[in-house]
């Protein structure tokens, strides 16, 4: 998994980073809210681990801003804010889980595994699309019952986002924000072309068009 870690305590940041690296995660470490904000809008992550009491923009405000702007990346708060109203504020801002400090690293592992299960995050660069059909993010191929089909980088990223959000409808705007981040946003017809190409490979019913809303991956 590619993880963003926001923690302003230098020692704790290093401890968590080393632990995650030992478990074969890719980790980007930041120490302030505005630093995290800039990176999140320019890169794609599988998970965000966010401290709350950090410089410039606190974790609650950061996540609330990200959610308002269409960033749906799963987030876990790691914080010493223990009061019930803090926990309530954390979940209202859009977090997926809330861990109170101090915590055991094993607990963090368990919470991360649960996020992977809930959001269908693959531990490798092979993502299961359906039975015997896989997306290989490294080679940019779809393996369909032994047949290998090459696809474009953005087609791979669009498909991955739809798969991870398979339980809801995704608008063209949401795809643009999350797949292109700070790159120049594509026109709507470009995204429609990617969807059309993916349907040719996976079948017309693989991605459903929800009129007036967007698209939903059909598993």
N, C-alpha and C. Protein backbone atom coordinates (compact mmCIF):
# COMPACT_ATOMS: atom_id res chain seq x y z
N UNK A 1 0.84 -1.19 0.00
CA UNK A 1 0.00 0.00 0.00
C UNK A 1 0.88 1.25 0.00
N UNK A 2 0.38 2.29 -0.65
CA UNK A 2 1.05 3.58 -0.59
C UNK A 2 0.35 4.41 0.48
N UNK A 3 1.10 4.77 1.53
CA UNK A 3 0.51 5.40 2.71
C UNK A 3 1.12 6.78 2.93
N UNK A 4 0.26 7.76 3.21
CA UNK A 4 0.73 9.07 3.67
C UNK A 4 0.66 9.08 5.19
N UNK A 5 1.77 9.43 5.84
CA UNK A 5 1.82 9.51 7.30
C UNK A 5 2.04 10.96 7.71
N UNK A 6 1.05 11.53 8.38
CA UNK A 6 1.15 12.87 8.95
C UNK A 6 1.32 12.74 10.45
N UNK A 7 2.53 13.02 10.95
CA UNK A 7 2.84 12.93 12.38
C UNK A 7 3.99 13.90 12.67
N UNK A 8 3.74 14.89 13.53
CA UNK A 8 4.77 15.92 13.75
C UNK A 8 5.77 15.55 14.84
N UNK A 9 5.53 14.46 15.59
CA UNK A 9 6.52 13.97 16.54
C UNK A 9 7.58 13.19 15.77
N UNK A 10 8.80 13.71 15.73
CA UNK A 10 9.84 13.14 14.88
C UNK A 10 10.13 11.68 15.21
N UNK A 11 10.20 11.37 16.51
CA UNK A 11 10.53 10.00 16.92
C UNK A 11 9.40 9.04 16.56
N UNK A 12 8.16 9.43 16.89
CA UNK A 12 7.02 8.57 16.57
C UNK A 12 6.86 8.41 15.06
N UNK A 13 7.08 9.47 14.32
CA UNK A 13 7.01 9.42 12.85
C UNK A 13 7.97 8.35 12.34
N UNK A 14 9.20 8.38 12.86
CA UNK A 14 10.23 7.44 12.41
C UNK A 14 9.87 6.01 12.80
N UNK A 15 9.34 5.82 14.01
CA UNK A 15 8.97 4.48 14.48
C UNK A 15 7.87 3.89 13.58
N UNK A 16 6.84 4.69 13.32
CA UNK A 16 5.73 4.20 12.49
C UNK A 16 6.20 3.95 11.06
N UNK A 17 7.00 4.86 10.53
CA UNK A 17 7.51 4.68 9.17
C UNK A 17 8.30 3.38 9.04
N UNK A 18 9.23 3.13 9.96
CA UNK A 18 10.04 1.91 9.90
C UNK A 18 9.16 0.67 10.00
N UNK A 19 8.18 0.72 10.86
CA UNK A 19 7.26 -0.42 11.02
C UNK A 19 6.50 -0.70 9.73
N UNK A 20 6.00 0.36 9.09
CA UNK A 20 5.23 0.18 7.85
C UNK A 20 6.12 -0.31 6.71
N UNK A 21 7.36 0.20 6.66
CA UNK A 21 8.29 -0.24 5.61
C UNK A 21 8.64 -1.71 5.78
N UNK A 22 8.76 -2.17 7.04
CA UNK A 22 9.04 -3.59 7.29
C UNK A 22 7.91 -4.48 6.79
N UNK A 23 6.72 -3.91 6.69
CA UNK A 23 5.56 -4.65 6.20
C UNK A 23 5.29 -4.37 4.72
N UNK A 24 6.32 -3.89 4.05
CA UNK A 24 6.33 -3.71 2.59
C UNK A 24 5.35 -2.65 2.09
N UNK A 25 5.02 -1.69 2.95
CA UNK A 25 4.24 -0.55 2.49
C UNK A 25 5.18 0.53 1.97
N UNK A 26 4.67 1.35 1.07
CA UNK A 26 5.38 2.55 0.63
C UNK A 26 4.86 3.72 1.47
N UNK A 27 5.78 4.50 2.06
CA UNK A 27 5.37 5.53 3.01
C UNK A 27 5.94 6.90 2.63
N UNK A 28 5.07 7.91 2.59
CA UNK A 28 5.48 9.30 2.45
C UNK A 28 5.20 9.98 3.79
N UNK A 29 6.23 10.55 4.41
CA UNK A 29 6.08 11.17 5.73
C UNK A 29 6.04 12.69 5.62
N UNK A 30 5.11 13.30 6.34
CA UNK A 30 5.00 14.76 6.42
C UNK A 30 4.78 15.14 7.87
N UNK A 31 5.01 16.43 8.18
CA UNK A 31 5.03 16.85 9.57
C UNK A 31 4.09 18.02 9.87
N UNK A 32 3.38 18.50 8.86
CA UNK A 32 2.44 19.60 9.07
C UNK A 32 1.23 19.42 8.16
N UNK A 33 0.12 20.06 8.53
CA UNK A 33 -1.11 19.91 7.77
C UNK A 33 -1.02 20.46 6.37
N UNK A 34 -0.36 21.61 6.21
CA UNK A 34 -0.28 22.19 4.87
C UNK A 34 0.64 21.38 3.96
N UNK A 35 1.68 20.78 4.54
CA UNK A 35 2.56 19.91 3.75
C UNK A 35 1.78 18.69 3.27
N UNK A 36 1.00 18.11 4.17
CA UNK A 36 0.17 16.96 3.79
C UNK A 36 -0.82 17.34 2.70
N UNK A 37 -1.45 18.48 2.85
CA UNK A 37 -2.45 18.93 1.89
C UNK A 37 -1.86 19.04 0.48
N UNK A 38 -0.68 19.64 0.38
CA UNK A 38 -0.04 19.79 -0.93
C UNK A 38 0.27 18.47 -1.59
N UNK A 39 0.76 17.51 -0.82
CA UNK A 39 1.13 16.21 -1.38
C UNK A 39 -0.10 15.40 -1.75
N UNK A 40 -1.13 15.44 -0.91
CA UNK A 40 -2.33 14.65 -1.18
C UNK A 40 -3.01 15.10 -2.47
N UNK A 41 -2.97 16.39 -2.75
CA UNK A 41 -3.61 16.89 -3.97
C UNK A 41 -2.74 16.66 -5.21
N UNK A 42 -1.50 16.22 -5.02
CA UNK A 42 -0.62 16.02 -6.17
C UNK A 42 -0.29 14.55 -6.40
N UNK A 43 -0.59 13.67 -5.44
CA UNK A 43 -0.31 12.25 -5.56
C UNK A 43 -1.54 11.44 -5.14
N UNK A 44 -1.52 10.16 -5.51
CA UNK A 44 -2.59 9.25 -5.13
C UNK A 44 -2.08 8.29 -4.06
N UNK A 45 -2.87 8.11 -3.00
CA UNK A 45 -2.50 7.21 -1.91
C UNK A 45 -3.60 6.17 -1.71
N UNK A 46 -3.21 5.04 -1.10
CA UNK A 46 -4.18 4.02 -0.72
C UNK A 46 -4.76 4.29 0.66
N UNK A 47 -3.98 4.98 1.51
CA UNK A 47 -4.40 5.22 2.89
C UNK A 47 -3.68 6.44 3.44
N UNK A 48 -4.39 7.19 4.31
CA UNK A 48 -3.79 8.32 5.02
C UNK A 48 -3.84 8.04 6.52
N UNK A 49 -2.70 8.18 7.20
CA UNK A 49 -2.62 8.10 8.65
C UNK A 49 -2.37 9.52 9.15
N UNK A 50 -3.32 10.08 9.90
CA UNK A 50 -3.29 11.50 10.21
C UNK A 50 -3.31 11.76 11.72
N UNK A 51 -2.27 12.47 12.18
CA UNK A 51 -2.31 13.03 13.53
C UNK A 51 -3.26 14.23 13.49
N UNK A 52 -3.77 14.64 14.63
CA UNK A 52 -4.72 15.76 14.68
C UNK A 52 -4.03 17.07 15.02
N UNK A 53 -3.28 17.09 16.12
CA UNK A 53 -2.65 18.32 16.59
C UNK A 53 -1.30 18.53 15.92
N UNK A 54 -1.37 19.03 14.69
CA UNK A 54 -0.17 19.27 13.88
C UNK A 54 -0.15 20.73 13.45
N UNK A 55 1.03 21.26 13.06
CA UNK A 55 1.12 22.68 12.69
C UNK A 55 0.29 23.05 11.46
N UNK A 56 -0.13 24.30 11.43
CA UNK A 56 -0.75 24.99 10.29
C UNK A 56 -2.21 24.60 10.03
N UNK A 57 -2.45 23.33 9.73
CA UNK A 57 -3.83 22.85 9.53
C UNK A 57 -3.97 21.58 10.36
N UNK A 58 -4.90 21.56 11.31
CA UNK A 58 -5.02 20.33 12.12
C UNK A 58 -5.66 19.21 11.30
N UNK A 59 -5.53 18.01 11.81
CA UNK A 59 -5.97 16.84 11.06
C UNK A 59 -7.45 16.84 10.72
N UNK A 60 -8.30 17.29 11.66
CA UNK A 60 -9.73 17.35 11.41
C UNK A 60 -10.04 18.29 10.24
N UNK A 61 -9.45 19.48 10.27
CA UNK A 61 -9.69 20.47 9.22
C UNK A 61 -9.16 19.98 7.87
N UNK A 62 -8.00 19.33 7.91
CA UNK A 62 -7.40 18.80 6.68
C UNK A 62 -8.32 17.79 6.02
N UNK A 63 -8.78 16.81 6.80
CA UNK A 63 -9.61 15.75 6.21
C UNK A 63 -10.95 16.30 5.75
N UNK A 64 -11.52 17.21 6.52
CA UNK A 64 -12.79 17.81 6.11
C UNK A 64 -12.64 18.53 4.77
N UNK A 65 -11.53 19.23 4.58
CA UNK A 65 -11.26 19.92 3.31
C UNK A 65 -11.11 18.91 2.18
N UNK A 66 -10.39 17.82 2.43
CA UNK A 66 -10.19 16.80 1.40
C UNK A 66 -11.51 16.17 0.98
N UNK A 67 -12.35 15.85 1.95
CA UNK A 67 -13.64 15.24 1.64
C UNK A 67 -14.53 16.19 0.85
N UNK A 68 -14.53 17.47 1.21
CA UNK A 68 -15.34 18.45 0.49
C UNK A 68 -14.89 18.59 -0.96
N UNK A 69 -13.61 18.32 -1.21
CA UNK A 69 -13.07 18.46 -2.56
C UNK A 69 -12.96 17.12 -3.29
N UNK A 70 -13.68 16.12 -2.80
CA UNK A 70 -13.82 14.88 -3.55
C UNK A 70 -12.73 13.85 -3.35
N UNK A 71 -11.80 14.07 -2.40
CA UNK A 71 -10.76 13.08 -2.13
C UNK A 71 -11.32 12.02 -1.20
N UNK A 72 -11.45 10.79 -1.68
CA UNK A 72 -12.11 9.71 -0.94
C UNK A 72 -11.13 8.72 -0.31
N UNK A 73 -9.84 9.00 -0.38
CA UNK A 73 -8.83 8.08 0.15
C UNK A 73 -9.13 7.74 1.61
N UNK A 74 -9.13 6.45 1.98
CA UNK A 74 -9.39 6.07 3.37
C UNK A 74 -8.42 6.76 4.33
N UNK A 75 -8.91 7.11 5.53
CA UNK A 75 -8.10 7.84 6.50
C UNK A 75 -8.30 7.27 7.90
N UNK A 76 -7.20 7.14 8.63
CA UNK A 76 -7.23 6.75 10.04
C UNK A 76 -6.58 7.86 10.85
N UNK A 77 -7.26 8.33 11.87
CA UNK A 77 -6.66 9.30 12.78
C UNK A 77 -5.83 8.56 13.82
N UNK A 78 -4.61 9.05 14.08
CA UNK A 78 -3.75 8.57 15.16
C UNK A 78 -3.55 9.76 16.08
N UNK A 79 -4.20 9.77 17.24
CA UNK A 79 -4.24 11.01 18.00
C UNK A 79 -4.35 10.80 19.50
N UNK A 80 -3.88 11.79 20.24
CA UNK A 80 -4.02 11.79 21.69
C UNK A 80 -5.31 12.48 22.12
N UNK A 81 -6.12 12.93 21.17
CA UNK A 81 -7.42 13.55 21.47
C UNK A 81 -8.40 12.45 21.83
N UNK A 82 -8.61 12.25 23.13
CA UNK A 82 -9.35 11.09 23.62
C UNK A 82 -10.81 11.35 23.94
N UNK A 83 -11.21 12.60 24.01
CA UNK A 83 -12.57 12.91 24.44
C UNK A 83 -13.59 12.43 23.42
N UNK A 84 -14.78 12.09 23.92
CA UNK A 84 -15.83 11.61 23.03
C UNK A 84 -16.15 12.61 21.94
N UNK A 85 -16.16 13.91 22.28
CA UNK A 85 -16.44 14.93 21.27
C UNK A 85 -15.35 15.00 20.21
N UNK A 86 -14.10 14.63 20.57
CA UNK A 86 -13.02 14.57 19.58
C UNK A 86 -13.26 13.43 18.61
N UNK A 87 -13.64 12.28 19.14
CA UNK A 87 -13.91 11.12 18.29
C UNK A 87 -15.08 11.42 17.35
N UNK A 88 -16.11 12.04 17.90
CA UNK A 88 -17.27 12.42 17.08
C UNK A 88 -16.85 13.37 15.97
N UNK A 89 -16.02 14.36 16.31
CA UNK A 89 -15.56 15.33 15.32
C UNK A 89 -14.72 14.65 14.25
N UNK A 90 -13.92 13.67 14.67
CA UNK A 90 -13.09 12.95 13.71
C UNK A 90 -13.91 12.20 12.68
N UNK A 91 -14.93 11.48 13.14
CA UNK A 91 -15.76 10.73 12.20
C UNK A 91 -16.61 11.66 11.34
N UNK A 92 -17.06 12.77 11.90
CA UNK A 92 -17.83 13.73 11.10
C UNK A 92 -16.97 14.38 10.02
N UNK A 93 -15.68 14.49 10.27
CA UNK A 93 -14.79 15.07 9.26
C UNK A 93 -14.51 14.11 8.12
N UNK A 94 -14.85 12.81 8.33
CA UNK A 94 -14.74 11.86 7.23
C UNK A 94 -13.76 10.72 7.41
N UNK A 95 -13.30 10.47 8.65
CA UNK A 95 -12.33 9.39 8.83
C UNK A 95 -13.00 8.02 8.75
N UNK A 96 -12.19 7.00 8.50
CA UNK A 96 -12.67 5.62 8.44
C UNK A 96 -12.39 4.87 9.74
N UNK A 97 -11.44 5.37 10.52
CA UNK A 97 -11.11 4.74 11.80
C UNK A 97 -10.40 5.76 12.68
N UNK A 98 -10.31 5.46 13.97
CA UNK A 98 -9.79 6.42 14.95
C UNK A 98 -9.02 5.64 16.00
N UNK A 99 -7.71 5.88 16.09
CA UNK A 99 -6.86 5.17 17.05
C UNK A 99 -6.34 6.17 18.07
N UNK A 100 -6.55 5.85 19.34
CA UNK A 100 -6.10 6.73 20.42
C UNK A 100 -4.65 6.41 20.79
N UNK A 101 -3.84 7.45 20.95
CA UNK A 101 -2.47 7.27 21.44
C UNK A 101 -2.49 7.14 22.96
N UNK A 102 -1.56 6.36 23.53
CA UNK A 102 -0.58 5.51 22.84
C UNK A 102 -1.24 4.23 22.34
N UNK A 103 -0.67 3.65 21.30
CA UNK A 103 -1.24 2.42 20.74
C UNK A 103 -0.11 1.45 20.39
N UNK A 104 -0.45 0.18 20.33
CA UNK A 104 0.49 -0.85 19.91
C UNK A 104 0.55 -0.87 18.38
N UNK A 105 1.73 -1.10 17.84
CA UNK A 105 1.87 -1.15 16.38
C UNK A 105 1.05 -2.31 15.80
N UNK A 106 0.88 -3.35 16.58
CA UNK A 106 0.05 -4.48 16.12
C UNK A 106 -1.39 -4.02 15.91
N UNK A 107 -1.86 -3.13 16.79
CA UNK A 107 -3.22 -2.61 16.61
C UNK A 107 -3.31 -1.84 15.30
N UNK A 108 -2.29 -1.05 14.98
CA UNK A 108 -2.27 -0.31 13.72
C UNK A 108 -2.35 -1.28 12.55
N UNK A 109 -1.60 -2.38 12.62
CA UNK A 109 -1.64 -3.38 11.55
C UNK A 109 -3.06 -3.92 11.35
N UNK A 110 -3.73 -4.22 12.46
CA UNK A 110 -5.09 -4.77 12.38
C UNK A 110 -6.05 -3.77 11.76
N UNK A 111 -5.92 -2.51 12.14
CA UNK A 111 -6.80 -1.49 11.57
C UNK A 111 -6.55 -1.31 10.08
N UNK A 112 -5.28 -1.35 9.68
CA UNK A 112 -4.93 -1.21 8.26
C UNK A 112 -5.48 -2.39 7.47
N UNK A 113 -5.35 -3.61 8.01
CA UNK A 113 -5.89 -4.78 7.32
C UNK A 113 -7.40 -4.66 7.13
N UNK A 114 -8.07 -4.10 8.13
CA UNK A 114 -9.52 -3.92 8.02
C UNK A 114 -9.87 -2.91 6.92
N UNK A 115 -9.09 -1.83 6.83
CA UNK A 115 -9.31 -0.85 5.77
C UNK A 115 -9.09 -1.49 4.40
N UNK A 116 -8.06 -2.31 4.28
CA UNK A 116 -7.79 -3.00 3.01
C UNK A 116 -8.97 -3.88 2.62
N UNK A 117 -9.55 -4.56 3.60
CA UNK A 117 -10.69 -5.44 3.33
C UNK A 117 -11.92 -4.64 2.92
N UNK A 118 -12.21 -3.57 3.65
CA UNK A 118 -13.40 -2.78 3.39
C UNK A 118 -13.33 -2.05 2.06
N UNK A 119 -12.13 -1.63 1.67
CA UNK A 119 -11.98 -0.83 0.45
C UNK A 119 -11.37 -1.61 -0.70
N UNK A 120 -11.26 -2.92 -0.54
CA UNK A 120 -10.78 -3.78 -1.62
C UNK A 120 -9.41 -3.33 -2.13
N UNK A 121 -8.50 -3.05 -1.20
CA UNK A 121 -7.15 -2.62 -1.55
C UNK A 121 -6.27 -3.85 -1.63
N UNK A 122 -5.71 -4.08 -2.80
CA UNK A 122 -4.89 -5.27 -3.01
C UNK A 122 -3.51 -5.08 -2.40
N UNK A 123 -2.94 -6.14 -1.76
CA UNK A 123 -1.60 -6.03 -1.20
C UNK A 123 -0.51 -6.01 -2.26
N UNK A 124 -0.84 -6.30 -3.48
CA UNK A 124 0.14 -6.26 -4.56
C UNK A 124 -0.39 -5.37 -5.67
N UNK A 125 0.31 -5.34 -6.79
CA UNK A 125 -0.13 -4.51 -7.90
C UNK A 125 -1.05 -5.27 -8.84
N UNK A 126 -1.53 -6.44 -8.41
CA UNK A 126 -2.57 -7.16 -9.14
C UNK A 126 -3.89 -6.97 -8.42
N UNK A 127 -4.88 -6.44 -9.11
CA UNK A 127 -6.18 -6.21 -8.53
C UNK A 127 -7.19 -7.13 -9.18
N UNK A 128 -7.92 -7.88 -8.36
CA UNK A 128 -8.93 -8.78 -8.90
C UNK A 128 -10.14 -7.99 -9.36
N UNK A 129 -10.48 -8.12 -10.64
CA UNK A 129 -11.65 -7.45 -11.20
C UNK A 129 -12.88 -8.32 -11.03
N UNK A 130 -12.74 -9.57 -11.37
CA UNK A 130 -13.80 -10.57 -11.18
C UNK A 130 -13.12 -11.93 -11.25
N UNK A 131 -13.89 -12.98 -11.23
CA UNK A 131 -13.31 -14.32 -11.25
C UNK A 131 -12.42 -14.54 -12.47
N UNK A 132 -11.12 -14.79 -12.22
CA UNK A 132 -10.12 -15.06 -13.26
C UNK A 132 -9.84 -13.85 -14.15
N UNK A 133 -10.20 -12.66 -13.67
CA UNK A 133 -9.89 -11.43 -14.42
C UNK A 133 -9.15 -10.48 -13.47
N UNK A 134 -7.94 -10.05 -13.88
CA UNK A 134 -7.09 -9.25 -13.02
C UNK A 134 -6.52 -8.04 -13.77
N UNK A 135 -6.34 -6.95 -13.02
CA UNK A 135 -5.63 -5.77 -13.53
C UNK A 135 -4.23 -5.79 -12.95
N UNK A 136 -3.22 -5.76 -13.82
CA UNK A 136 -1.82 -5.67 -13.40
C UNK A 136 -1.38 -4.22 -13.57
N UNK A 137 -1.21 -3.50 -12.46
CA UNK A 137 -0.88 -2.08 -12.51
C UNK A 137 0.55 -1.83 -12.99
N UNK A 138 1.44 -2.82 -12.80
CA UNK A 138 2.83 -2.64 -13.23
C UNK A 138 2.98 -2.73 -14.75
N UNK A 139 2.38 -3.77 -15.32
CA UNK A 139 2.52 -3.99 -16.77
C UNK A 139 1.42 -3.30 -17.58
N UNK A 140 0.45 -2.67 -16.87
CA UNK A 140 -0.67 -2.01 -17.53
C UNK A 140 -1.41 -2.99 -18.45
N UNK A 141 -1.79 -4.11 -17.86
CA UNK A 141 -2.50 -5.13 -18.62
C UNK A 141 -3.70 -5.64 -17.83
N UNK A 142 -4.68 -6.12 -18.56
CA UNK A 142 -5.79 -6.85 -17.97
C UNK A 142 -5.67 -8.30 -18.43
N UNK A 143 -5.63 -9.22 -17.46
CA UNK A 143 -5.56 -10.63 -17.78
C UNK A 143 -6.96 -11.22 -17.64
N UNK A 144 -7.54 -11.60 -18.76
CA UNK A 144 -8.91 -12.11 -18.80
C UNK A 144 -8.90 -13.56 -19.21
N UNK A 145 -8.97 -14.46 -18.18
CA UNK A 145 -8.98 -15.90 -18.44
C UNK A 145 -7.80 -16.32 -19.31
N UNK A 146 -6.61 -15.78 -19.02
CA UNK A 146 -5.40 -16.15 -19.74
C UNK A 146 -5.07 -15.25 -20.91
N UNK A 147 -6.01 -14.42 -21.34
CA UNK A 147 -5.74 -13.48 -22.43
C UNK A 147 -5.26 -12.15 -21.85
N UNK A 148 -4.15 -11.63 -22.37
CA UNK A 148 -3.56 -10.40 -21.85
C UNK A 148 -3.85 -9.24 -22.80
N UNK A 149 -4.45 -8.19 -22.25
CA UNK A 149 -4.80 -7.00 -23.05
C UNK A 149 -4.09 -5.79 -22.45
N UNK A 150 -3.35 -5.06 -23.27
CA UNK A 150 -2.65 -3.87 -22.80
C UNK A 150 -3.60 -2.67 -22.79
N UNK A 151 -3.47 -1.84 -21.74
CA UNK A 151 -4.30 -0.64 -21.63
C UNK A 151 -3.41 0.56 -21.30
N UNK A 152 -3.96 1.76 -21.44
CA UNK A 152 -3.22 2.98 -21.16
C UNK A 152 -3.12 3.21 -19.65
N UNK A 153 -2.13 4.00 -19.23
CA UNK A 153 -1.93 4.30 -17.81
C UNK A 153 -3.20 4.86 -17.17
N UNK A 154 -3.82 5.85 -17.81
CA UNK A 154 -5.01 6.46 -17.22
C UNK A 154 -6.21 5.53 -17.24
N UNK A 155 -6.29 4.65 -18.22
CA UNK A 155 -7.35 3.64 -18.21
C UNK A 155 -7.19 2.74 -16.99
N UNK A 156 -5.94 2.37 -16.68
CA UNK A 156 -5.67 1.55 -15.51
C UNK A 156 -6.08 2.28 -14.23
N UNK A 157 -5.75 3.56 -14.13
CA UNK A 157 -6.06 4.33 -12.92
C UNK A 157 -7.56 4.57 -12.77
N UNK A 158 -8.24 4.82 -13.88
CA UNK A 158 -9.69 4.99 -13.84
C UNK A 158 -10.35 3.69 -13.39
N UNK A 159 -9.93 2.57 -13.96
CA UNK A 159 -10.50 1.27 -13.59
C UNK A 159 -10.24 0.97 -12.12
N UNK A 160 -9.01 1.23 -11.65
CA UNK A 160 -8.68 0.97 -10.25
C UNK A 160 -9.57 1.79 -9.32
N UNK A 161 -9.81 3.05 -9.67
CA UNK A 161 -10.64 3.90 -8.81
C UNK A 161 -12.08 3.39 -8.78
N UNK A 162 -12.60 2.98 -9.92
CA UNK A 162 -13.96 2.46 -9.97
C UNK A 162 -14.09 1.17 -9.16
N UNK A 163 -13.07 0.31 -9.25
CA UNK A 163 -13.11 -0.95 -8.50
C UNK A 163 -13.11 -0.67 -7.00
N UNK A 164 -12.25 0.24 -6.55
CA UNK A 164 -12.14 0.55 -5.13
C UNK A 164 -13.41 1.20 -4.59
N UNK A 165 -14.19 1.79 -5.50
CA UNK A 165 -15.44 2.45 -5.10
C UNK A 165 -16.64 1.73 -5.70
N UNK A 166 -16.55 0.43 -5.77
CA UNK A 166 -17.54 -0.37 -6.49
C UNK A 166 -18.94 -0.31 -5.87
N UNK A 167 -19.03 0.12 -4.63
CA UNK A 167 -20.34 0.13 -3.97
C UNK A 167 -21.09 1.45 -4.13
N UNK A 168 -20.55 2.37 -4.94
CA UNK A 168 -21.24 3.65 -5.13
C UNK A 168 -21.03 4.16 -6.54
N UNK A 169 -21.81 5.16 -6.90
CA UNK A 169 -21.67 5.80 -8.21
C UNK A 169 -20.57 6.85 -8.13
N UNK A 170 -19.80 6.96 -9.20
CA UNK A 170 -18.67 7.89 -9.25
C UNK A 170 -18.89 8.85 -10.42
N UNK A 171 -18.87 10.14 -10.14
CA UNK A 171 -19.08 11.13 -11.19
C UNK A 171 -17.80 11.36 -11.99
N UNK A 172 -17.96 11.95 -13.16
CA UNK A 172 -16.79 12.31 -13.98
C UNK A 172 -15.91 13.30 -13.22
N UNK A 173 -16.52 14.21 -12.48
CA UNK A 173 -15.75 15.18 -11.70
C UNK A 173 -14.92 14.49 -10.63
N UNK A 174 -15.50 13.51 -9.96
CA UNK A 174 -14.76 12.78 -8.92
C UNK A 174 -13.60 12.01 -9.52
N UNK A 175 -13.81 11.39 -10.66
CA UNK A 175 -12.72 10.70 -11.35
C UNK A 175 -11.60 11.68 -11.70
N UNK A 176 -11.98 12.84 -12.21
CA UNK A 176 -11.01 13.84 -12.60
C UNK A 176 -10.16 14.29 -11.42
N UNK A 177 -10.81 14.54 -10.27
CA UNK A 177 -10.11 15.02 -9.09
C UNK A 177 -9.16 13.96 -8.53
N UNK A 178 -9.62 12.72 -8.46
CA UNK A 178 -8.84 11.68 -7.80
C UNK A 178 -7.82 10.99 -8.69
N UNK A 179 -8.07 10.92 -9.98
CA UNK A 179 -7.15 10.24 -10.89
C UNK A 179 -6.12 11.21 -11.46
N UNK A 180 -6.55 12.43 -11.74
CA UNK A 180 -5.63 13.40 -12.34
C UNK A 180 -4.98 14.33 -11.32
N UNK A 181 -5.56 14.45 -10.10
CA UNK A 181 -5.00 15.28 -9.03
C UNK A 181 -4.63 16.66 -9.57
N UNK A 182 -3.33 17.03 -9.51
CA UNK A 182 -2.91 18.36 -9.96
C UNK A 182 -2.49 18.39 -11.43
N UNK A 183 -2.63 17.28 -12.12
CA UNK A 183 -2.41 17.29 -13.56
C UNK A 183 -3.55 18.07 -14.22
N UNK A 184 -3.34 18.47 -15.46
CA UNK A 184 -4.39 19.18 -16.18
C UNK A 184 -5.61 18.28 -16.31
N UNK A 185 -6.74 18.77 -15.85
CA UNK A 185 -7.96 17.97 -15.87
C UNK A 185 -8.39 17.68 -17.30
N UNK A 186 -8.82 16.45 -17.56
CA UNK A 186 -9.25 16.09 -18.91
C UNK A 186 -10.67 16.61 -19.17
N UNK A 187 -11.03 16.71 -20.43
CA UNK A 187 -12.41 17.03 -20.76
C UNK A 187 -13.25 15.77 -20.56
N UNK A 188 -14.54 15.94 -20.35
CA UNK A 188 -15.42 14.82 -20.02
C UNK A 188 -15.39 13.73 -21.10
N UNK A 189 -15.28 14.14 -22.36
CA UNK A 189 -15.29 13.14 -23.44
C UNK A 189 -14.08 12.22 -23.38
N UNK A 190 -12.96 12.71 -22.83
CA UNK A 190 -11.77 11.87 -22.69
C UNK A 190 -12.03 10.75 -21.70
N UNK A 191 -12.65 11.07 -20.57
CA UNK A 191 -12.97 10.05 -19.58
C UNK A 191 -13.98 9.07 -20.15
N UNK A 192 -14.96 9.57 -20.90
CA UNK A 192 -15.95 8.67 -21.51
C UNK A 192 -15.28 7.69 -22.47
N UNK A 193 -14.26 8.16 -23.17
CA UNK A 193 -13.52 7.30 -24.09
C UNK A 193 -12.80 6.19 -23.33
N UNK A 194 -12.19 6.54 -22.19
CA UNK A 194 -11.53 5.52 -21.37
C UNK A 194 -12.54 4.47 -20.90
N UNK A 195 -13.70 4.94 -20.45
CA UNK A 195 -14.75 4.01 -19.99
C UNK A 195 -15.18 3.10 -21.14
N UNK A 196 -15.35 3.68 -22.33
CA UNK A 196 -15.76 2.91 -23.51
C UNK A 196 -14.74 1.82 -23.83
N UNK A 197 -13.45 2.17 -23.77
CA UNK A 197 -12.39 1.20 -24.05
C UNK A 197 -12.38 0.06 -23.02
N UNK A 198 -12.59 0.42 -21.75
CA UNK A 198 -12.61 -0.61 -20.70
C UNK A 198 -13.81 -1.54 -20.87
N UNK A 199 -14.93 -0.99 -21.30
CA UNK A 199 -16.11 -1.83 -21.53
C UNK A 199 -15.87 -2.82 -22.66
N UNK A 200 -15.13 -2.42 -23.68
CA UNK A 200 -14.83 -3.31 -24.79
C UNK A 200 -14.06 -4.54 -24.31
N UNK A 201 -13.19 -4.31 -23.30
CA UNK A 201 -12.37 -5.40 -22.79
C UNK A 201 -13.13 -6.25 -21.78
N UNK A 202 -13.87 -5.59 -20.89
CA UNK A 202 -14.49 -6.29 -19.75
C UNK A 202 -15.94 -6.66 -19.98
N UNK A 203 -16.55 -6.08 -21.04
CA UNK A 203 -17.97 -6.31 -21.29
C UNK A 203 -18.79 -5.06 -21.01
N UNK A 204 -19.83 -4.86 -21.75
CA UNK A 204 -20.64 -3.63 -21.65
C UNK A 204 -21.25 -3.45 -20.26
N UNK A 205 -21.52 -4.54 -19.58
CA UNK A 205 -22.17 -4.45 -18.27
C UNK A 205 -21.19 -4.30 -17.12
N UNK A 206 -19.89 -4.24 -17.43
CA UNK A 206 -18.88 -4.17 -16.37
C UNK A 206 -18.89 -2.81 -15.67
N UNK A 207 -19.19 -1.76 -16.44
CA UNK A 207 -19.26 -0.41 -15.89
C UNK A 207 -20.61 0.18 -16.29
N UNK A 208 -21.44 0.42 -15.29
CA UNK A 208 -22.81 0.88 -15.55
C UNK A 208 -22.86 2.40 -15.58
N UNK A 209 -23.57 2.92 -16.57
CA UNK A 209 -23.78 4.36 -16.66
C UNK A 209 -25.03 4.73 -15.87
N UNK A 210 -24.85 5.53 -14.81
CA UNK A 210 -25.98 6.00 -14.01
C UNK A 210 -26.35 7.39 -14.53
N UNK A 211 -27.43 7.47 -15.27
CA UNK A 211 -27.80 8.70 -15.97
C UNK A 211 -27.87 9.90 -15.02
N UNK A 212 -27.15 10.95 -15.38
CA UNK A 212 -27.16 12.18 -14.61
C UNK A 212 -26.27 12.15 -13.37
N UNK A 213 -25.63 10.98 -13.11
CA UNK A 213 -24.79 10.84 -11.90
C UNK A 213 -23.36 10.51 -12.27
N UNK A 214 -23.17 9.42 -13.01
CA UNK A 214 -21.82 9.02 -13.37
C UNK A 214 -21.76 7.53 -13.67
N UNK A 215 -20.76 6.84 -13.10
CA UNK A 215 -20.53 5.44 -13.41
C UNK A 215 -20.42 4.62 -12.13
N UNK A 216 -20.74 3.32 -12.24
CA UNK A 216 -20.55 2.40 -11.13
C UNK A 216 -19.99 1.10 -11.67
N UNK A 217 -18.92 0.63 -11.01
CA UNK A 217 -18.35 -0.65 -11.39
C UNK A 217 -19.30 -1.76 -10.98
N UNK A 218 -19.55 -2.68 -11.90
CA UNK A 218 -20.49 -3.77 -11.67
C UNK A 218 -19.71 -5.07 -11.51
N UNK A 219 -19.60 -5.52 -10.24
CA UNK A 219 -18.82 -6.73 -9.97
C UNK A 219 -19.66 -7.98 -10.10
